[in-house]
Amino acid sequence: MKKGNVQKYILFVSILLAVNMLSGCSDGSADTETVTAAKKIVIGSDIISPYLYKDVDGEFMGIDVEIATEALHRMGYEPEFKLIVWENKNKLLEDGEVDCIWGCFSMNGREDKYLWAGPYLYSRQMVAVRMDSEIQKLKDLTGKMIAVQETSKAEEYFLRSDFEGIPDVSLVYCFSNMDEVFAALRKNYVEAICGHESALISFINTAPDEYRLLDESFLYSALGVAFDIQYDEEFVEELFKTLGDMMNDGTIAAIVGKYGLDAEKSLGRGND
């Protein structure tokens, strides 16, 4: 470059940089917002303690909240938890209103309906009754009225007659959420309620002298994170790998233990 053009070139570059900085402020902000939005994963679930619920300040907490937050942070994403009407979960996935369903969700019998990251935990499906109930075993549910959550595995098992070992109950009340299921037993509308063991234990702990679990389980559930069948397979595979890493390094066991569950059984290591 000729020396006589140096000052002109410096002036030109200075002006160009200033223009870029001014225009870049707006564009950079937009790009940042786009990146932030792209990194957010919307998780749909209903309330199912101790997996996902709200504390006194309205903040989400629970086993799945902590597992999801840690896993997604390791992958460079930020979770956004969204309460949903459970029976609408499939449409929400199809419409893209949530990225995944994550909240003590059983994979059993649904393996081909979703893309799954899992299993990462296990749960027994159990029955709870009043302390003074004559019901002692699963077979004693014959002819009884029970309550379950709508679209749950408990609903599927007790509304169909082709599952071995499931008694023929007289009536199955299906409710939108577990709080309504608990209320049905509390108000004596039904004689038993069915669902995930940990959720039933959380309910029983509110009045341990009034309710109890039967010893028998009617299903051993593998829990997973469900995505729409058209979702990004690479992302789902990466999440599954990350959850596997968390199982191996003790992170999931530590989280489960904080909530009073047997970590070995929850991870499928201590079951018969």
C-alpha atoms as a PDB file:
ATOM      1  CA  MET A   1       0.000   0.000   0.000  1.00  0.00           C
ATOM      2  CA  LYS A   2       1.252   3.510  -0.825  1.00  0.00           C
ATOM      3  CA  LYS A   3       2.159   5.715   2.190  1.00  0.00           C
ATOM      4  CA  GLY A   4       0.018   8.595   0.905  1.00  0.00           C
ATOM      5  CA  ASN A   5      -3.073   6.455   1.270  1.00  0.00           C
ATOM      6  CA  VAL A   6      -2.409   5.295   4.852  1.00  0.00           C
ATOM      7  CA  GLN A   7      -4.336   8.110   6.596  1.00  0.00           C
ATOM      8  CA  LYS A   8      -7.292   7.743   4.216  1.00  0.00           C
ATOM      9  CA  TYR A   9      -7.304   3.975   4.801  1.00  0.00           C
ATOM     10  CA  ILE A  10      -7.218   4.355   8.594  1.00  0.00           C
ATOM     11  CA  LEU A  11     -10.071   6.874   8.471  1.00  0.00           C
ATOM     12  CA  PHE A  12     -12.092   4.540   6.247  1.00  0.00           C
ATOM     13  CA  VAL A  13     -11.526   1.591   8.541  1.00  0.00           C
ATOM     14  CA  SER A  14     -12.479   3.654  11.616  1.00  0.00           C
ATOM     15  CA  ILE A  15     -15.758   4.716  10.016  1.00  0.00           C
ATOM     16  CA  LEU A  16     -16.461   1.165   8.881  1.00  0.00           C
ATOM     17  CA  LEU A  17     -15.853  -0.221  12.370  1.00  0.00           C
ATOM     18  CA  ALA A  18     -18.107   2.419  13.931  1.00  0.00           C
ATOM     19  CA  VAL A  19     -20.925   1.570  11.523  1.00  0.00           C
ATOM     20  CA  ASN A  20     -20.501  -2.138  12.206  1.00  0.00           C
ATOM     21  CA  MET A  21     -20.559  -1.565  15.949  1.00  0.00           C
ATOM     22  CA  LEU A  22     -23.754   0.464  15.759  1.00  0.00           C
ATOM     23  CA  SER A  23     -25.521  -2.003  13.490  1.00  0.00           C
ATOM     24  CA  GLY A  24     -23.990  -4.932  15.329  1.00  0.00           C
ATOM     25  CA  CYS A  25     -25.573  -3.932  18.633  1.00  0.00           C
ATOM     26  CA  SER A  26     -29.026  -4.642  17.261  1.00  0.00           C
ATOM     27  CA  ASP A  27     -28.057  -7.679  15.210  1.00  0.00           C
ATOM     28  CA  GLY A  28     -26.003  -9.190  18.008  1.00  0.00           C
ATOM     29  CA  SER A  29     -28.896  -8.919  20.420  1.00  0.00           C
ATOM     30  CA  ALA A  30     -31.218 -10.617  17.965  1.00  0.00           C
ATOM     31  CA  ASP A  31     -28.687 -13.370  17.371  1.00  0.00           C
ATOM     32  CA  THR A  32     -28.263 -13.865  21.108  1.00  0.00           C
ATOM     33  CA  GLU A  33     -32.012 -14.112  21.580  1.00  0.00           C
ATOM     34  CA  THR A  34     -32.204 -16.658  18.767  1.00  0.00           C
ATOM     35  CA  VAL A  35     -29.434 -18.741  20.261  1.00  0.00           C
ATOM     36  CA  THR A  36     -31.020 -18.559  23.723  1.00  0.00           C
ATOM     37  CA  ALA A  37     -34.399 -19.581  22.353  1.00  0.00           C
ATOM     38  CA  ALA A  38     -32.846 -22.431  20.399  1.00  0.00           C
ATOM     39  CA  LYS A  39     -31.152 -23.739  23.554  1.00  0.00           C
ATOM     40  CA  LYS A  40     -34.348 -23.876  25.609  1.00  0.00           C
ATOM     41  CA  ILE A  41     -36.075 -27.247  25.971  1.00  0.00           C
ATOM     42  CA  VAL A  42     -39.729 -27.112  27.057  1.00  0.00           C
ATOM     43  CA  ILE A  43     -40.614 -30.024  29.338  1.00  0.00           C
ATOM     44  CA  GLY A  44     -44.255 -30.962  29.820  1.00  0.00           C
ATOM     45  CA  SER A  45     -45.583 -32.770  32.891  1.00  0.00           C
ATOM     46  CA  ASP A  46     -48.335 -32.711  35.437  1.00  0.00           C
ATOM     47  CA  ILE A  47     -47.786 -32.625  39.187  1.00  0.00           C
ATOM     48  CA  ILE A  48     -46.527 -35.974  40.442  1.00  0.00           C
ATOM     49  CA  SER A  49     -44.656 -35.763  43.708  1.00  0.00           C
ATOM     50  CA  PRO A  50     -41.804 -36.408  44.395  1.00  0.00           C
ATOM     51  CA  TYR A  51     -40.833 -36.302  40.710  1.00  0.00           C
ATOM     52  CA  LEU A  52     -42.209 -32.906  39.749  1.00  0.00           C
ATOM     53  CA  TYR A  53     -44.110 -30.424  41.882  1.00  0.00           C
ATOM     54  CA  LYS A  54     -43.955 -26.807  43.100  1.00  0.00           C
ATOM     55  CA  ASP A  55     -42.560 -25.550  46.397  1.00  0.00           C
ATOM     56  CA  VAL A  56     -44.170 -22.879  48.587  1.00  0.00           C
ATOM     57  CA  ASP A  57     -42.667 -20.177  46.367  1.00  0.00           C
ATOM     58  CA  GLY A  58     -44.136 -21.679  43.215  1.00  0.00           C
ATOM     59  CA  GLU A  59     -40.792 -22.972  41.946  1.00  0.00           C
ATOM     60  CA  PHE A  60     -40.574 -26.360  40.255  1.00  0.00           C
ATOM     61  CA  MET A  61     -38.717 -29.013  42.191  1.00  0.00           C
ATOM     62  CA  GLY A  62     -38.509 -32.786  42.436  1.00  0.00           C
ATOM     63  CA  ILE A  63     -36.482 -35.743  41.234  1.00  0.00           C
ATOM     64  CA  ASP A  64     -37.175 -35.255  37.528  1.00  0.00           C
ATOM     65  CA  VAL A  65     -36.721 -31.491  37.768  1.00  0.00           C
ATOM     66  CA  GLU A  66     -33.221 -31.959  39.171  1.00  0.00           C
ATOM     67  CA  ILE A  67     -32.305 -34.768  36.768  1.00  0.00           C
ATOM     68  CA  ALA A  68     -33.577 -32.821  33.734  1.00  0.00           C
ATOM     69  CA  THR A  69     -31.835 -29.616  34.782  1.00  0.00           C
ATOM     70  CA  GLU A  70     -28.483 -31.333  35.311  1.00  0.00           C
ATOM     71  CA  ALA A  71     -28.694 -33.384  32.112  1.00  0.00           C
ATOM     72  CA  LEU A  72     -29.661 -30.453  29.906  1.00  0.00           C
ATOM     73  CA  HIS A  73     -27.043 -28.179  31.461  1.00  0.00           C
ATOM     74  CA  ARG A  74     -24.397 -30.776  30.637  1.00  0.00           C
ATOM     75  CA  MET A  75     -25.626 -30.657  27.036  1.00  0.00           C
ATOM     76  CA  GLY A  76     -25.701 -26.854  26.918  1.00  0.00           C
ATOM     77  CA  TYR A  77     -29.466 -26.408  27.115  1.00  0.00           C
ATOM     78  CA  GLU A  78     -31.820 -24.726  29.564  1.00  0.00           C
ATOM     79  CA  PRO A  79     -35.017 -26.494  30.715  1.00  0.00           C
ATOM     80  CA  GLU A  80     -38.379 -24.763  30.895  1.00  0.00           C
ATOM     81  CA  PHE A  81     -40.976 -26.715  32.861  1.00  0.00           C
ATOM     82  CA  LYS A  82     -44.605 -26.455  31.816  1.00  0.00           C
ATOM     83  CA  LEU A  83     -47.609 -27.949  33.596  1.00  0.00           C
ATOM     84  CA  ILE A  84     -49.912 -29.745  31.181  1.00  0.00           C
ATOM     85  CA  VAL A  85     -53.207 -31.577  31.211  1.00  0.00           C
ATOM     86  CA  TRP A  86     -51.904 -35.139  31.145  1.00  0.00           C
ATOM     87  CA  GLU A  87     -54.387 -36.535  28.640  1.00  0.00           C
ATOM     88  CA  ASN A  88     -53.367 -33.798  26.155  1.00  0.00           C
ATOM     89  CA  LYS A  89     -49.680 -34.766  26.169  1.00  0.00           C
ATOM     90  CA  ASN A  90     -49.623 -36.394  22.710  1.00  0.00           C
ATOM     91  CA  LYS A  91     -51.176 -33.393  20.974  1.00  0.00           C
ATOM     92  CA  LEU A  92     -48.806 -31.020  22.755  1.00  0.00           C
ATOM     93  CA  LEU A  93     -45.872 -33.056  21.479  1.00  0.00           C
ATOM     94  CA  GLU A  94     -47.256 -33.203  17.939  1.00  0.00           C
ATOM     95  CA  ASP A  95     -47.946 -29.451  17.874  1.00  0.00           C
ATOM     96  CA  GLY A  96     -44.497 -28.650  19.255  1.00  0.00           C
ATOM     97  CA  GLU A  97     -45.849 -26.825  22.301  1.00  0.00           C
ATOM     98  CA  VAL A  98     -43.548 -28.971  24.424  1.00  0.00           C
ATOM     99  CA  ASP A  99     -40.347 -30.707  23.381  1.00  0.00           C
ATOM    100  CA  CYS A 100     -40.797 -33.717  25.605  1.00  0.00           C
ATOM    101  CA  ILE A 101     -42.821 -35.354  28.363  1.00  0.00           C
ATOM    102  CA  TRP A 102     -40.709 -35.813  31.471  1.00  0.00           C
ATOM    103  CA  GLY A 103     -42.336 -36.693  34.777  1.00  0.00           C
ATOM    104  CA  CYS A 104     -42.347 -40.310  36.003  1.00  0.00           C
ATOM    105  CA  PHE A 105     -43.553 -41.477  32.564  1.00  0.00           C
ATOM    106  CA  SER A 106     -43.701 -45.249  31.973  1.00  0.00           C
ATOM    107  CA  MET A 107     -42.189 -46.622  28.791  1.00  0.00           C
ATOM    108  CA  ASN A 108     -43.912 -50.025  29.135  1.00  0.00           C
ATOM    109  CA  GLY A 109     -46.185 -50.729  26.172  1.00  0.00           C
ATOM    110  CA  ARG A 110     -45.395 -47.325  24.656  1.00  0.00           C
ATOM    111  CA  GLU A 111     -41.968 -48.145  23.238  1.00  0.00           C
ATOM    112  CA  ASP A 112     -43.038 -47.541  19.625  1.00  0.00           C
ATOM    113  CA  LYS A 113     -45.260 -44.509  20.250  1.00  0.00           C
ATOM    114  CA  TYR A 114     -42.459 -42.064  21.063  1.00  0.00           C
ATOM    115  CA  LEU A 115     -38.755 -41.472  20.700  1.00  0.00           C
ATOM    116  CA  TRP A 116     -37.372 -42.342  24.127  1.00  0.00           C
ATOM    117  CA  ALA A 117     -34.409 -41.280  26.196  1.00  0.00           C
ATOM    118  CA  GLY A 118     -34.478 -44.010  28.795  1.00  0.00           C
ATOM    119  CA  PRO A 119     -34.975 -45.881  30.904  1.00  0.00           C
ATOM    120  CA  TYR A 120     -33.140 -43.822  33.499  1.00  0.00           C
ATOM    121  CA  LEU A 121     -35.236 -44.886  36.536  1.00  0.00           C
ATOM    122  CA  TYR A 122     -37.693 -47.609  37.502  1.00  0.00           C
ATOM    123  CA  SER A 123     -40.916 -47.552  39.495  1.00  0.00           C
ATOM    124  CA  ARG A 124     -43.417 -50.100  40.799  1.00  0.00           C
ATOM    125  CA  GLN A 125     -47.137 -49.648  40.147  1.00  0.00           C
ATOM    126  CA  MET A 126     -48.904 -50.164  43.458  1.00  0.00           C
ATOM    127  CA  VAL A 127     -52.257 -49.978  45.250  1.00  0.00           C
ATOM    128  CA  ALA A 128     -53.107 -47.836  48.284  1.00  0.00           C
ATOM    129  CA  VAL A 129     -56.104 -48.347  50.572  1.00  0.00           C
ATOM    130  CA  ARG A 130     -57.423 -47.005  53.850  1.00  0.00           C
ATOM    131  CA  MET A 131     -55.760 -48.457  56.942  1.00  0.00           C
ATOM    132  CA  ASP A 132     -58.940 -50.230  58.083  1.00  0.00           C
ATOM    133  CA  SER A 133     -59.739 -51.667  54.621  1.00  0.00           C
ATOM    134  CA  GLU A 134     -60.429 -55.370  54.229  1.00  0.00           C
ATOM    135  CA  ILE A 135     -58.292 -55.303  51.078  1.00  0.00           C
ATOM    136  CA  GLN A 136     -54.991 -57.054  51.772  1.00  0.00           C
ATOM    137  CA  LYS A 137     -53.966 -58.420  48.379  1.00  0.00           C
ATOM    138  CA  LEU A 138     -54.486 -57.532  44.726  1.00  0.00           C
ATOM    139  CA  LYS A 139     -57.106 -60.260  44.358  1.00  0.00           C
ATOM    140  CA  ASP A 140     -59.182 -58.555  47.053  1.00  0.00           C
ATOM    141  CA  LEU A 141     -59.844 -55.712  44.615  1.00  0.00           C
ATOM    142  CA  THR A 142     -62.327 -57.950  42.805  1.00  0.00           C
ATOM    143  CA  GLY A 143     -65.688 -56.219  42.726  1.00  0.00           C
ATOM    144  CA  LYS A 144     -64.283 -53.032  44.299  1.00  0.00           C
ATOM    145  CA  MET A 145     -64.299 -49.418  43.074  1.00  0.00           C
ATOM    146  CA  ILE A 146     -60.890 -47.898  42.372  1.00  0.00           C
ATOM    147  CA  ALA A 147     -59.463 -44.593  41.126  1.00  0.00           C
ATOM    148  CA  VAL A 148     -56.565 -44.048  38.703  1.00  0.00           C
ATOM    149  CA  GLN A 149     -55.104 -41.225  36.651  1.00  0.00           C
ATOM    150  CA  GLU A 150     -56.417 -40.883  33.119  1.00  0.00           C
ATOM    151  CA  THR A 151     -54.175 -42.336  30.358  1.00  0.00           C
ATOM    152  CA  SER A 152     -51.902 -43.917  32.985  1.00  0.00           C
ATOM    153  CA  LYS A 153     -50.651 -47.499  33.031  1.00  0.00           C
ATOM    154  CA  ALA A 154     -52.962 -48.159  35.983  1.00  0.00           C
ATOM    155  CA  GLU A 155     -55.948 -47.108  33.869  1.00  0.00           C
ATOM    156  CA  GLU A 156     -54.786 -49.318  31.010  1.00  0.00           C
ATOM    157  CA  TYR A 157     -54.319 -52.352  33.232  1.00  0.00           C
ATOM    158  CA  PHE A 158     -57.575 -52.127  35.155  1.00  0.00           C
ATOM    159  CA  LEU A 159     -59.794 -51.182  32.211  1.00  0.00           C
ATOM    160  CA  ARG A 160     -58.580 -54.142  30.157  1.00  0.00           C
ATOM    161  CA  SER A 161     -59.221 -57.760  31.025  1.00  0.00           C
ATOM    162  CA  ASP A 162     -56.268 -59.373  29.244  1.00  0.00           C
ATOM    163  CA  PHE A 163     -53.551 -58.632  31.813  1.00  0.00           C
ATOM    164  CA  GLU A 164     -52.631 -61.618  33.906  1.00  0.00           C
ATOM    165  CA  GLY A 165     -53.159 -61.215  37.628  1.00  0.00           C
ATOM    166  CA  ILE A 166     -55.313 -58.093  37.390  1.00  0.00           C
ATOM    167  CA  PRO A 167     -58.609 -58.553  39.282  1.00  0.00           C
ATOM    168  CA  ASP A 168     -61.981 -57.695  37.821  1.00  0.00           C
ATOM    169  CA  VAL A 169     -62.968 -54.504  39.648  1.00  0.00           C
ATOM    170  CA  SER A 170     -66.516 -53.201  39.580  1.00  0.00           C
ATOM    171  CA  LEU A 171     -65.715 -49.615  38.562  1.00  0.00           C
ATOM    172  CA  VAL A 172     -62.670 -47.566  37.550  1.00  0.00           C
ATOM    173  CA  TYR A 173     -62.836 -43.815  38.125  1.00  0.00           C
ATOM    174  CA  CYS A 174     -60.347 -41.966  35.901  1.00  0.00           C
ATOM    175  CA  PHE A 175     -59.168 -38.539  37.012  1.00  0.00           C
ATOM    176  CA  SER A 176     -57.081 -35.907  35.252  1.00  0.00           C
ATOM    177  CA  ASN A 177     -54.399 -35.687  37.953  1.00  0.00           C
ATOM    178  CA  MET A 178     -53.175 -37.543  41.022  1.00  0.00           C
ATOM    179  CA  ASP A 179     -54.495 -34.941  43.464  1.00  0.00           C
ATOM    180  CA  GLU A 180     -58.003 -35.861  42.320  1.00  0.00           C
ATOM    181  CA  VAL A 181     -57.153 -39.559  42.652  1.00  0.00           C
ATOM    182  CA  PHE A 182     -55.986 -38.998  46.233  1.00  0.00           C
ATOM    183  CA  ALA A 183     -59.123 -36.993  47.012  1.00  0.00           C
ATOM    184  CA  ALA A 184     -61.305 -39.866  45.797  1.00  0.00           C
ATOM    185  CA  LEU A 185     -59.839 -42.174  48.452  1.00  0.00           C
ATOM    186  CA  ARG A 186     -59.758 -39.477  51.106  1.00  0.00           C
ATOM    187  CA  LYS A 187     -63.491 -38.815  50.639  1.00  0.00           C
ATOM    188  CA  ASN A 188     -64.363 -42.535  50.449  1.00  0.00           C
ATOM    189  CA  TYR A 189     -65.605 -42.322  46.866  1.00  0.00           C
ATOM    190  CA  VAL A 190     -63.482 -45.394  46.095  1.00  0.00           C
ATOM    191  CA  GLU A 191     -61.987 -48.274  48.045  1.00  0.00           C
ATOM    192  CA  ALA A 192     -58.493 -48.176  46.520  1.00  0.00           C
ATOM    193  CA  ILE A 193     -56.246 -46.059  44.313  1.00  0.00           C
ATOM    194  CA  CYS A 194     -53.474 -47.189  41.969  1.00  0.00           C
ATOM    195  CA  GLY A 195     -50.351 -45.542  40.600  1.00  0.00           C
ATOM    196  CA  HIS A 196     -46.600 -45.141  40.935  1.00  0.00           C
ATOM    197  CA  GLU A 197     -45.289 -46.320  44.303  1.00  0.00           C
ATOM    198  CA  SER A 198     -43.410 -43.099  45.110  1.00  0.00           C
ATOM    199  CA  ALA A 199     -46.463 -40.936  44.361  1.00  0.00           C
ATOM    200  CA  LEU A 200     -48.664 -43.110  46.572  1.00  0.00           C
ATOM    201  CA  ILE A 201     -46.080 -43.021  49.365  1.00  0.00           C
ATOM    202  CA  SER A 202     -46.026 -39.209  49.203  1.00  0.00           C
ATOM    203  CA  PHE A 203     -49.803 -39.263  49.636  1.00  0.00           C
ATOM    204  CA  ILE A 204     -49.680 -41.795  52.489  1.00  0.00           C
ATOM    205  CA  ASN A 205     -47.065 -39.708  54.298  1.00  0.00           C
ATOM    206  CA  THR A 206     -49.597 -36.905  54.643  1.00  0.00           C
ATOM    207  CA  ALA A 207     -51.622 -39.179  56.972  1.00  0.00           C
ATOM    208  CA  PRO A 208     -49.599 -42.339  57.702  1.00  0.00           C
ATOM    209  CA  ASP A 209     -52.110 -43.621  60.270  1.00  0.00           C
ATOM    210  CA  GLU A 210     -54.950 -43.553  57.751  1.00  0.00           C
ATOM    211  CA  TYR A 211     -53.569 -45.195  54.600  1.00  0.00           C
ATOM    212  CA  ARG A 212     -51.271 -48.061  53.582  1.00  0.00           C
ATOM    213  CA  LEU A 213     -49.802 -49.775  50.525  1.00  0.00           C
ATOM    214  CA  LEU A 214     -50.501 -53.342  49.526  1.00  0.00           C
ATOM    215  CA  ASP A 215     -47.378 -55.486  49.378  1.00  0.00           C
ATOM    216  CA  GLU A 216     -47.966 -56.623  45.803  1.00  0.00           C
ATOM    217  CA  SER A 217     -47.109 -54.690  42.665  1.00  0.00           C
ATOM    218  CA  PHE A 218     -49.022 -55.162  39.406  1.00  0.00           C
ATOM    219  CA  LEU A 219     -46.350 -53.651  37.117  1.00  0.00           C
ATOM    220  CA  TYR A 220     -42.657 -52.800  37.175  1.00  0.00           C
ATOM    221  CA  SER A 221     -42.317 -49.601  35.128  1.00  0.00           C
ATOM    222  CA  ALA A 222     -39.303 -48.343  33.204  1.00  0.00           C
ATOM    223  CA  LEU A 223     -39.292 -44.536  33.233  1.00  0.00           C
ATOM    224  CA  GLY A 224     -38.164 -42.483  30.258  1.00  0.00           C
ATOM    225  CA  VAL A 225     -38.297 -39.096  28.548  1.00  0.00           C
ATOM    226  CA  ALA A 226     -40.775 -39.128  25.648  1.00  0.00           C
ATOM    227  CA  PHE A 227     -40.374 -37.122  22.439  1.00  0.00           C
ATOM    228  CA  ASP A 228     -42.592 -37.003  19.369  1.00  0.00           C
ATOM    229  CA  ILE A 229     -41.655 -39.676  16.863  1.00  0.00           C
ATOM    230  CA  GLN A 230     -40.547 -36.945  14.404  1.00  0.00           C
ATOM    231  CA  TYR A 231     -38.212 -35.220  16.879  1.00  0.00           C
ATOM    232  CA  ASP A 232     -34.456 -34.827  16.353  1.00  0.00           C
ATOM    233  CA  GLU A 233     -33.071 -38.337  16.894  1.00  0.00           C
ATOM    234  CA  GLU A 234     -29.512 -37.106  17.495  1.00  0.00           C
ATOM    235  CA  PHE A 235     -30.666 -34.897  20.357  1.00  0.00           C
ATOM    236  CA  VAL A 236     -32.628 -37.748  21.944  1.00  0.00           C
ATOM    237  CA  GLU A 237     -29.628 -40.064  21.638  1.00  0.00           C
ATOM    238  CA  GLU A 238     -27.352 -37.454  23.211  1.00  0.00           C
ATOM    239  CA  LEU A 239     -29.779 -37.008  26.101  1.00  0.00           C
ATOM    240  CA  PHE A 240     -29.946 -40.767  26.655  1.00  0.00           C
ATOM    241  CA  LYS A 241     -26.139 -40.913  26.719  1.00  0.00           C
ATOM    242  CA  THR A 242     -26.014 -38.019  29.194  1.00  0.00           C
ATOM    243  CA  LEU A 243     -28.537 -39.726  31.458  1.00  0.00           C
ATOM    244  CA  GLY A 244     -26.425 -42.873  31.253  1.00  0.00           C
ATOM    245  CA  ASP A 245     -23.381 -40.869  32.329  1.00  0.00           C
ATOM    246  CA  MET A 246     -25.367 -39.508  35.271  1.00  0.00           C
ATOM    247  CA  MET A 247     -26.403 -43.015  36.274  1.00  0.00           C
ATOM    248  CA  ASN A 248     -22.798 -44.191  36.145  1.00  0.00           C
ATOM    249  CA  ASP A 249     -21.244 -41.255  38.000  1.00  0.00           C
ATOM    250  CA  GLY A 250     -23.752 -41.407  40.872  1.00  0.00           C
ATOM    251  CA  THR A 251     -25.588 -38.161  40.098  1.00  0.00           C
ATOM    252  CA  ILE A 252     -29.020 -39.727  39.667  1.00  0.00           C
ATOM    253  CA  ALA A 253     -28.585 -41.908  42.759  1.00  0.00           C
ATOM    254  CA  ALA A 254     -27.726 -38.820  44.818  1.00  0.00           C
ATOM    255  CA  ILE A 255     -30.781 -36.936  43.543  1.00  0.00           C
ATOM    256  CA  VAL A 256     -33.144 -39.854  44.188  1.00  0.00           C
ATOM    257  CA  GLY A 257     -31.735 -40.311  47.687  1.00  0.00           C
ATOM    258  CA  LYS A 258     -32.471 -36.681  48.562  1.00  0.00           C
ATOM    259  CA  TYR A 259     -36.176 -37.420  48.161  1.00  0.00           C
ATOM    260  CA  GLY A 260     -36.229 -40.495  50.367  1.00  0.00           C
ATOM    261  CA  LEU A 261     -36.358 -43.163  47.652  1.00  0.00           C
ATOM    262  CA  ASP A 262     -34.188 -46.264  47.606  1.00  0.00           C
ATOM    263  CA  ALA A 263     -31.611 -45.341  44.975  1.00  0.00           C
ATOM    264  CA  GLU A 264     -30.615 -48.931  44.195  1.00  0.00           C
ATOM    265  CA  LYS A 265     -34.204 -50.015  43.554  1.00  0.00           C
ATOM    266  CA  SER A 266     -35.007 -46.835  41.635  1.00  0.00           C
ATOM    267  CA  LEU A 267     -32.062 -47.506  39.345  1.00  0.00           C
ATOM    268  CA  GLY A 268     -33.159 -51.102  38.824  1.00  0.00           C
ATOM    269  CA  ARG A 269     -30.289 -52.602  40.787  1.00  0.00           C
ATOM    270  CA  GLY A 270     -32.086 -53.841  43.866  1.00  0.00           C
ATOM    271  CA  ASN A 271     -35.266 -55.405  42.503  1.00  0.00           C
ATOM    272  CA  ASP A 272     -36.090 -59.079  42.538  1.00  0.00           C
END
